[in-house]
Amino acid sequence: KEDEIGVENVCLPAAPTAAKAKNPCHYLWQGPIYIEETGNVFPCCHAWTGQPLGNIREEPLDRIWNNGRMQAMRAAHLRGNAGAFPECGGCMAARPRLPLIVGSSLVDMYSVRKIIPVMERLNLLFRFALFEKRTKSN
């Protein structure tokens, strides 16, 4: 974030691999979205460097959340083509496996927050994968 804090040559590394994601990004359906102080709306906090979806000062949030660009992003993710959008192609966000995505859409967010620590403990005990591998061998 050189432009904001004035530190040069400090940035996140590129995405771990160019491996194709198996599951769509859950942020595009469940949020949370990212809104800048200027009112620019982005699909998630990882995509703030990309093109904004719209501006909350110019149109309602429900219209922005379901506009053409957001629908195109969702469709690209469903086809496994997240790389069609530069802000998604190199994303480093964790990608939950399909059972977690489906389960989180069937349960309210309060319950999901209570279940997450239990799932993490089970993962430590039994070593089952909660998230997609981010390697080319995936």
N, C-alpha and C. Protein backbone atom coordinates (compact mmCIF):
# COMPACT_ATOMS: atom_id res chain seq x y z
N LYS A 1 0.83 -1.18 0.00
CA LYS A 1 0.00 0.00 0.00
C LYS A 1 0.88 1.25 0.00
N GLU A 2 1.79 1.24 -0.90
CA GLU A 2 2.76 2.30 -1.02
C GLU A 2 2.11 3.68 -1.10
N ASP A 3 1.00 3.80 -1.81
CA ASP A 3 0.36 5.09 -2.01
C ASP A 3 -0.22 5.68 -0.73
N GLU A 4 -0.52 4.86 0.26
CA GLU A 4 -1.15 5.36 1.48
C GLU A 4 -0.16 5.56 2.62
N ILE A 5 0.84 4.69 2.73
CA ILE A 5 1.73 4.80 3.87
C ILE A 5 3.15 5.20 3.51
N GLY A 6 3.45 5.32 2.25
CA GLY A 6 4.73 5.82 1.81
C GLY A 6 5.90 4.87 1.95
N VAL A 7 5.67 3.59 2.03
CA VAL A 7 6.74 2.60 2.11
C VAL A 7 6.87 1.96 0.74
N GLU A 8 8.07 2.03 0.18
CA GLU A 8 8.27 1.49 -1.16
C GLU A 8 8.67 0.02 -1.12
N ASN A 9 8.35 -0.68 -2.19
CA ASN A 9 8.75 -2.08 -2.39
C ASN A 9 8.27 -3.04 -1.31
N VAL A 10 7.14 -2.74 -0.72
CA VAL A 10 6.56 -3.65 0.27
C VAL A 10 5.17 -4.00 -0.22
N CYS A 11 4.96 -5.27 -0.54
CA CYS A 11 3.65 -5.69 -1.00
C CYS A 11 3.48 -7.17 -0.76
N LEU A 12 2.27 -7.65 -0.90
CA LEU A 12 2.01 -9.07 -0.76
C LEU A 12 2.62 -9.82 -1.94
N PRO A 13 3.07 -11.04 -1.71
CA PRO A 13 3.58 -11.81 -2.83
C PRO A 13 2.45 -12.18 -3.79
N ALA A 14 2.80 -12.61 -4.96
CA ALA A 14 1.79 -13.06 -5.91
C ALA A 14 1.07 -14.27 -5.35
N ALA A 15 -0.04 -14.60 -5.94
CA ALA A 15 -0.81 -15.77 -5.49
C ALA A 15 0.09 -16.99 -5.44
N PRO A 16 -0.15 -17.90 -4.50
CA PRO A 16 0.73 -19.05 -4.34
C PRO A 16 0.93 -19.86 -5.61
N THR A 17 -0.10 -20.00 -6.40
CA THR A 17 0.02 -20.74 -7.65
C THR A 17 -1.02 -20.24 -8.62
N ALA A 18 -0.94 -20.75 -9.81
CA ALA A 18 -1.96 -20.43 -10.80
C ALA A 18 -2.98 -21.55 -10.87
N ALA A 19 -3.02 -22.40 -9.86
CA ALA A 19 -3.94 -23.53 -9.86
C ALA A 19 -5.38 -23.03 -9.92
N LYS A 20 -6.18 -23.72 -10.67
CA LYS A 20 -7.58 -23.36 -10.84
C LYS A 20 -8.35 -23.70 -9.56
N ALA A 21 -9.11 -22.75 -9.05
CA ALA A 21 -9.90 -22.99 -7.85
C ALA A 21 -11.04 -23.94 -8.19
N LYS A 22 -11.32 -24.84 -7.28
CA LYS A 22 -12.40 -25.80 -7.51
C LYS A 22 -13.75 -25.23 -7.14
N ASN A 23 -13.79 -24.41 -6.10
CA ASN A 23 -15.05 -23.87 -5.61
C ASN A 23 -15.12 -22.37 -5.83
N PRO A 24 -16.33 -21.85 -6.05
CA PRO A 24 -16.47 -20.40 -6.22
C PRO A 24 -16.20 -19.68 -4.90
N CYS A 25 -15.80 -18.44 -5.01
CA CYS A 25 -15.53 -17.62 -3.83
C CYS A 25 -16.84 -17.31 -3.12
N HIS A 26 -16.91 -17.67 -1.86
CA HIS A 26 -18.14 -17.47 -1.09
C HIS A 26 -18.43 -16.00 -0.81
N TYR A 27 -17.42 -15.13 -0.89
CA TYR A 27 -17.64 -13.70 -0.64
C TYR A 27 -18.64 -13.10 -1.64
N LEU A 28 -18.67 -13.63 -2.85
CA LEU A 28 -19.53 -13.05 -3.88
C LEU A 28 -21.01 -13.29 -3.62
N TRP A 29 -21.32 -14.21 -2.73
CA TRP A 29 -22.72 -14.48 -2.39
C TRP A 29 -23.05 -14.06 -0.97
N GLN A 30 -22.10 -14.24 -0.07
CA GLN A 30 -22.38 -14.00 1.35
C GLN A 30 -21.73 -12.75 1.91
N GLY A 31 -20.83 -12.13 1.17
CA GLY A 31 -20.13 -10.96 1.69
C GLY A 31 -19.08 -11.37 2.71
N PRO A 32 -18.54 -10.46 3.44
CA PRO A 32 -18.90 -9.04 3.50
C PRO A 32 -18.29 -8.25 2.34
N ILE A 33 -19.00 -7.22 1.95
CA ILE A 33 -18.48 -6.34 0.91
C ILE A 33 -17.53 -5.34 1.54
N TYR A 34 -16.84 -4.59 0.72
CA TYR A 34 -15.90 -3.58 1.19
C TYR A 34 -16.34 -2.25 0.61
N ILE A 35 -16.54 -1.25 1.47
CA ILE A 35 -16.94 0.08 1.03
C ILE A 35 -15.90 1.08 1.50
N GLU A 36 -15.32 1.81 0.56
CA GLU A 36 -14.34 2.84 0.89
C GLU A 36 -15.05 4.06 1.45
N GLU A 37 -14.26 4.94 2.06
CA GLU A 37 -14.82 6.18 2.61
C GLU A 37 -15.39 7.07 1.52
N THR A 38 -14.97 6.88 0.28
CA THR A 38 -15.50 7.66 -0.85
C THR A 38 -16.85 7.13 -1.32
N GLY A 39 -17.24 5.95 -0.82
CA GLY A 39 -18.49 5.33 -1.23
C GLY A 39 -18.33 4.24 -2.26
N ASN A 40 -17.12 4.05 -2.78
CA ASN A 40 -16.89 2.98 -3.75
C ASN A 40 -17.10 1.62 -3.10
N VAL A 41 -17.82 0.74 -3.80
CA VAL A 41 -18.16 -0.59 -3.28
C VAL A 41 -17.38 -1.64 -4.06
N PHE A 42 -16.77 -2.57 -3.31
CA PHE A 42 -16.01 -3.67 -3.89
C PHE A 42 -16.61 -4.98 -3.40
N PRO A 43 -16.46 -6.07 -4.17
CA PRO A 43 -17.09 -7.33 -3.80
C PRO A 43 -16.58 -7.92 -2.49
N CYS A 44 -15.33 -7.60 -2.13
CA CYS A 44 -14.78 -8.08 -0.85
C CYS A 44 -13.55 -7.26 -0.51
N CYS A 45 -13.01 -7.48 0.67
CA CYS A 45 -11.84 -6.70 1.10
C CYS A 45 -10.58 -7.08 0.33
N HIS A 46 -10.57 -8.21 -0.35
CA HIS A 46 -9.41 -8.63 -1.13
C HIS A 46 -9.38 -7.98 -2.51
N ALA A 47 -10.48 -7.41 -2.94
CA ALA A 47 -10.59 -6.88 -4.31
C ALA A 47 -10.57 -5.35 -4.35
N TRP A 48 -10.12 -4.72 -3.28
CA TRP A 48 -10.17 -3.25 -3.22
C TRP A 48 -9.28 -2.56 -4.25
N THR A 49 -8.34 -3.27 -4.83
CA THR A 49 -7.47 -2.65 -5.84
C THR A 49 -8.09 -2.70 -7.24
N GLY A 50 -9.16 -3.44 -7.39
CA GLY A 50 -9.80 -3.59 -8.69
C GLY A 50 -10.81 -2.50 -8.98
N GLN A 51 -11.59 -2.73 -9.99
CA GLN A 51 -12.63 -1.79 -10.39
C GLN A 51 -13.80 -1.87 -9.41
N PRO A 52 -14.29 -0.72 -8.90
CA PRO A 52 -15.43 -0.77 -7.98
C PRO A 52 -16.70 -1.24 -8.70
N LEU A 53 -17.57 -1.86 -7.93
CA LEU A 53 -18.86 -2.30 -8.47
C LEU A 53 -19.80 -1.12 -8.68
N GLY A 54 -19.62 -0.09 -7.89
CA GLY A 54 -20.47 1.08 -7.94
C GLY A 54 -20.14 1.99 -6.78
N ASN A 55 -20.99 2.98 -6.56
CA ASN A 55 -20.78 3.92 -5.46
C ASN A 55 -22.07 4.06 -4.67
N ILE A 56 -21.95 3.84 -3.38
CA ILE A 56 -23.12 3.85 -2.49
C ILE A 56 -23.79 5.23 -2.43
N ARG A 57 -23.05 6.26 -2.79
CA ARG A 57 -23.61 7.62 -2.78
C ARG A 57 -24.43 7.90 -4.04
N GLU A 58 -24.28 7.03 -5.03
CA GLU A 58 -24.97 7.25 -6.30
C GLU A 58 -26.11 6.27 -6.56
N GLU A 59 -26.05 5.08 -5.94
CA GLU A 59 -27.12 4.09 -6.13
C GLU A 59 -27.25 3.20 -4.90
N PRO A 60 -28.41 2.60 -4.69
CA PRO A 60 -28.61 1.76 -3.51
C PRO A 60 -27.73 0.51 -3.52
N LEU A 61 -27.40 0.06 -2.32
CA LEU A 61 -26.51 -1.08 -2.17
C LEU A 61 -27.09 -2.35 -2.79
N ASP A 62 -28.40 -2.57 -2.67
CA ASP A 62 -28.97 -3.80 -3.25
C ASP A 62 -28.84 -3.82 -4.77
N ARG A 63 -28.88 -2.66 -5.39
CA ARG A 63 -28.70 -2.60 -6.85
C ARG A 63 -27.23 -2.85 -7.21
N ILE A 64 -26.31 -2.31 -6.42
CA ILE A 64 -24.88 -2.54 -6.66
C ILE A 64 -24.55 -4.02 -6.47
N TRP A 65 -25.07 -4.62 -5.39
CA TRP A 65 -24.77 -6.02 -5.05
C TRP A 65 -25.23 -6.98 -6.14
N ASN A 66 -26.23 -6.60 -6.90
CA ASN A 66 -26.76 -7.48 -7.94
C ASN A 66 -26.61 -6.90 -9.35
N ASN A 67 -25.67 -5.96 -9.53
CA ASN A 67 -25.51 -5.35 -10.85
C ASN A 67 -24.82 -6.30 -11.84
N GLY A 68 -24.67 -5.86 -13.06
CA GLY A 68 -24.12 -6.70 -14.12
C GLY A 68 -22.71 -7.20 -13.85
N ARG A 69 -21.85 -6.33 -13.32
CA ARG A 69 -20.47 -6.74 -13.04
C ARG A 69 -20.43 -7.81 -11.95
N MET A 70 -21.23 -7.64 -10.92
CA MET A 70 -21.26 -8.64 -9.85
C MET A 70 -21.80 -9.97 -10.37
N GLN A 71 -22.83 -9.92 -11.20
CA GLN A 71 -23.38 -11.14 -11.78
C GLN A 71 -22.34 -11.83 -12.68
N ALA A 72 -21.58 -11.02 -13.42
CA ALA A 72 -20.53 -11.59 -14.28
C ALA A 72 -19.43 -12.24 -13.44
N MET A 73 -19.07 -11.61 -12.32
CA MET A 73 -18.06 -12.20 -11.43
C MET A 73 -18.55 -13.53 -10.87
N ARG A 74 -19.80 -13.56 -10.44
CA ARG A 74 -20.36 -14.81 -9.90
C ARG A 74 -20.37 -15.91 -10.97
N ALA A 75 -20.79 -15.55 -12.18
CA ALA A 75 -20.84 -16.54 -13.27
C ALA A 75 -19.44 -17.06 -13.59
N ALA A 76 -18.45 -16.17 -13.61
CA ALA A 76 -17.07 -16.60 -13.89
C ALA A 76 -16.58 -17.56 -12.81
N HIS A 77 -16.90 -17.27 -11.57
CA HIS A 77 -16.47 -18.16 -10.47
C HIS A 77 -17.16 -19.52 -10.56
N LEU A 78 -18.42 -19.53 -10.94
CA LEU A 78 -19.14 -20.80 -11.07
C LEU A 78 -18.56 -21.65 -12.20
N ARG A 79 -18.05 -21.00 -13.25
CA ARG A 79 -17.42 -21.72 -14.37
C ARG A 79 -15.98 -22.10 -14.06
N GLY A 80 -15.45 -21.66 -12.91
CA GLY A 80 -14.06 -21.94 -12.58
C GLY A 80 -13.10 -21.01 -13.29
N ASN A 81 -13.59 -19.85 -13.70
CA ASN A 81 -12.78 -18.90 -14.45
C ASN A 81 -12.62 -17.58 -13.69
N ALA A 82 -12.24 -17.68 -12.43
CA ALA A 82 -12.06 -16.47 -11.61
C ALA A 82 -11.00 -15.55 -12.19
N GLY A 83 -10.04 -16.10 -12.91
CA GLY A 83 -8.97 -15.31 -13.50
C GLY A 83 -9.45 -14.32 -14.55
N ALA A 84 -10.70 -14.41 -14.96
CA ALA A 84 -11.25 -13.44 -15.91
C ALA A 84 -11.29 -12.05 -15.30
N PHE A 85 -11.25 -11.97 -13.98
CA PHE A 85 -11.24 -10.70 -13.27
C PHE A 85 -9.89 -10.59 -12.55
N PRO A 86 -9.09 -9.58 -12.89
CA PRO A 86 -7.74 -9.48 -12.32
C PRO A 86 -7.72 -9.50 -10.79
N GLU A 87 -8.71 -8.87 -10.16
CA GLU A 87 -8.73 -8.84 -8.70
C GLU A 87 -9.01 -10.21 -8.09
N CYS A 88 -9.57 -11.12 -8.87
CA CYS A 88 -9.86 -12.48 -8.38
C CYS A 88 -8.78 -13.48 -8.79
N GLY A 89 -8.16 -13.25 -9.92
CA GLY A 89 -7.19 -14.20 -10.47
C GLY A 89 -6.03 -14.49 -9.55
N GLY A 90 -5.54 -13.51 -8.84
CA GLY A 90 -4.40 -13.71 -7.95
C GLY A 90 -4.78 -13.62 -6.48
N CYS A 91 -6.04 -13.84 -6.18
CA CYS A 91 -6.53 -13.68 -4.81
C CYS A 91 -5.90 -14.69 -3.86
N MET A 92 -5.56 -14.24 -2.66
CA MET A 92 -4.93 -15.10 -1.67
C MET A 92 -5.92 -15.52 -0.58
N ALA A 93 -7.19 -15.18 -0.72
CA ALA A 93 -8.17 -15.53 0.31
C ALA A 93 -8.36 -17.05 0.38
N ALA A 94 -8.61 -17.53 1.58
CA ALA A 94 -8.87 -18.96 1.77
C ALA A 94 -10.16 -19.33 1.07
N ARG A 95 -10.19 -20.50 0.47
CA ARG A 95 -11.38 -20.99 -0.21
C ARG A 95 -11.90 -22.22 0.52
N PRO A 96 -13.02 -22.10 1.22
CA PRO A 96 -13.58 -23.28 1.89
C PRO A 96 -13.98 -24.35 0.87
N ARG A 97 -13.92 -25.58 1.29
CA ARG A 97 -14.38 -26.68 0.44
C ARG A 97 -15.91 -26.64 0.36
N LEU A 98 -16.44 -27.31 -0.65
CA LEU A 98 -17.87 -27.24 -0.95
C LEU A 98 -18.79 -27.57 0.23
N PRO A 99 -18.52 -28.60 1.05
CA PRO A 99 -19.42 -28.86 2.18
C PRO A 99 -19.54 -27.67 3.14
N LEU A 100 -18.45 -26.95 3.35
CA LEU A 100 -18.51 -25.77 4.22
C LEU A 100 -19.31 -24.65 3.59
N ILE A 101 -19.15 -24.46 2.28
CA ILE A 101 -19.90 -23.41 1.60
C ILE A 101 -21.39 -23.70 1.68
N VAL A 102 -21.78 -24.91 1.35
CA VAL A 102 -23.20 -25.29 1.39
C VAL A 102 -23.73 -25.20 2.81
N GLY A 103 -22.98 -25.73 3.76
CA GLY A 103 -23.41 -25.69 5.16
C GLY A 103 -23.60 -24.29 5.68
N SER A 104 -22.69 -23.38 5.32
CA SER A 104 -22.80 -22.01 5.81
C SER A 104 -23.99 -21.27 5.21
N SER A 105 -24.44 -21.70 4.04
CA SER A 105 -25.61 -21.04 3.45
C SER A 105 -26.92 -21.57 4.03
N LEU A 106 -26.87 -22.71 4.71
CA LEU A 106 -28.07 -23.29 5.31
C LEU A 106 -28.26 -22.90 6.77
N VAL A 107 -27.22 -22.33 7.38
CA VAL A 107 -27.24 -22.00 8.80
C VAL A 107 -27.04 -20.49 8.94
N ASP A 108 -27.68 -19.89 9.95
CA ASP A 108 -27.52 -18.45 10.15
C ASP A 108 -26.09 -18.13 10.59
N MET A 109 -25.67 -16.88 10.36
CA MET A 109 -24.28 -16.48 10.60
C MET A 109 -23.88 -16.61 12.07
N TYR A 110 -24.80 -16.39 12.99
CA TYR A 110 -24.50 -16.53 14.41
C TYR A 110 -24.08 -17.96 14.71
N SER A 111 -24.81 -18.92 14.18
CA SER A 111 -24.48 -20.33 14.40
C SER A 111 -23.16 -20.70 13.72
N VAL A 112 -22.93 -20.15 12.53
CA VAL A 112 -21.68 -20.43 11.82
C VAL A 112 -20.50 -19.98 12.66
N ARG A 113 -20.61 -18.81 13.27
CA ARG A 113 -19.52 -18.30 14.11
C ARG A 113 -19.27 -19.20 15.31
N LYS A 114 -20.31 -19.82 15.82
CA LYS A 114 -20.14 -20.74 16.95
C LYS A 114 -19.55 -22.08 16.50
N ILE A 115 -19.86 -22.49 15.27
CA ILE A 115 -19.40 -23.78 14.76
C ILE A 115 -17.94 -23.74 14.32
N ILE A 116 -17.47 -22.59 13.85
CA ILE A 116 -16.11 -22.49 13.31
C ILE A 116 -15.04 -22.99 14.29
N PRO A 117 -15.04 -22.57 15.57
CA PRO A 117 -14.00 -23.10 16.47
C PRO A 117 -14.07 -24.61 16.65
N VAL A 118 -15.26 -25.17 16.63
CA VAL A 118 -15.42 -26.63 16.75
C VAL A 118 -14.81 -27.31 15.53
N MET A 119 -15.10 -26.78 14.34
CA MET A 119 -14.54 -27.34 13.10
C MET A 119 -13.01 -27.25 13.10
N GLU A 120 -12.48 -26.14 13.60
CA GLU A 120 -11.03 -25.99 13.64
C GLU A 120 -10.40 -27.02 14.58
N ARG A 121 -11.03 -27.27 15.73
CA ARG A 121 -10.51 -28.28 16.66
C ARG A 121 -10.57 -29.67 16.05
N LEU A 122 -11.69 -29.98 15.38
CA LEU A 122 -11.82 -31.28 14.71
C LEU A 122 -10.76 -31.44 13.62
N ASN A 123 -10.48 -30.35 12.94
CA ASN A 123 -9.46 -30.38 11.90
C ASN A 123 -8.09 -30.71 12.50
N LEU A 124 -7.78 -30.15 13.64
CA LEU A 124 -6.50 -30.44 14.29
C LEU A 124 -6.42 -31.90 14.73
N LEU A 125 -7.54 -32.43 15.20
CA LEU A 125 -7.55 -33.82 15.67
C LEU A 125 -7.50 -34.84 14.54
N PHE A 126 -8.31 -34.62 13.52
CA PHE A 126 -8.49 -35.63 12.47
C PHE A 126 -7.84 -35.27 11.13
N ARG A 127 -7.30 -34.08 11.02
CA ARG A 127 -6.59 -33.64 9.81
C ARG A 127 -7.42 -33.74 8.53
N PHE A 128 -8.67 -33.35 8.59
CA PHE A 128 -9.45 -33.27 7.36
C PHE A 128 -9.37 -31.84 6.84
N ALA A 129 -9.41 -31.70 5.56
CA ALA A 129 -9.19 -30.39 4.93
C ALA A 129 -10.47 -29.56 4.93
N LEU A 130 -10.38 -28.37 5.50
CA LEU A 130 -11.50 -27.44 5.49
C LEU A 130 -11.45 -26.52 4.27
N PHE A 131 -10.25 -26.30 3.78
CA PHE A 131 -10.06 -25.37 2.68
C PHE A 131 -9.36 -26.04 1.51
N GLU A 132 -9.53 -25.44 0.32
CA GLU A 132 -8.85 -25.95 -0.86
C GLU A 132 -7.35 -25.84 -0.69
N LYS A 133 -6.63 -26.78 -1.28
CA LYS A 133 -5.17 -26.66 -1.35
C LYS A 133 -4.84 -25.56 -2.34
N ARG A 134 -3.80 -24.82 -2.06
CA ARG A 134 -3.39 -23.74 -2.97
C ARG A 134 -2.09 -24.10 -3.67
N THR A 135 -2.01 -25.32 -4.17
CA THR A 135 -0.81 -25.76 -4.88
C THR A 135 -1.21 -26.25 -6.27
N LYS A 136 -0.27 -26.30 -7.17
CA LYS A 136 -0.56 -26.74 -8.54
C LYS A 136 -0.94 -28.20 -8.61
N SER A 137 -0.56 -28.98 -7.61
CA SER A 137 -0.90 -30.41 -7.63
C SER A 137 -2.35 -30.65 -7.22
N ASN A 138 -3.07 -29.59 -6.89
CA ASN A 138 -4.45 -29.69 -6.42
C ASN A 138 -5.34 -30.29 -7.46
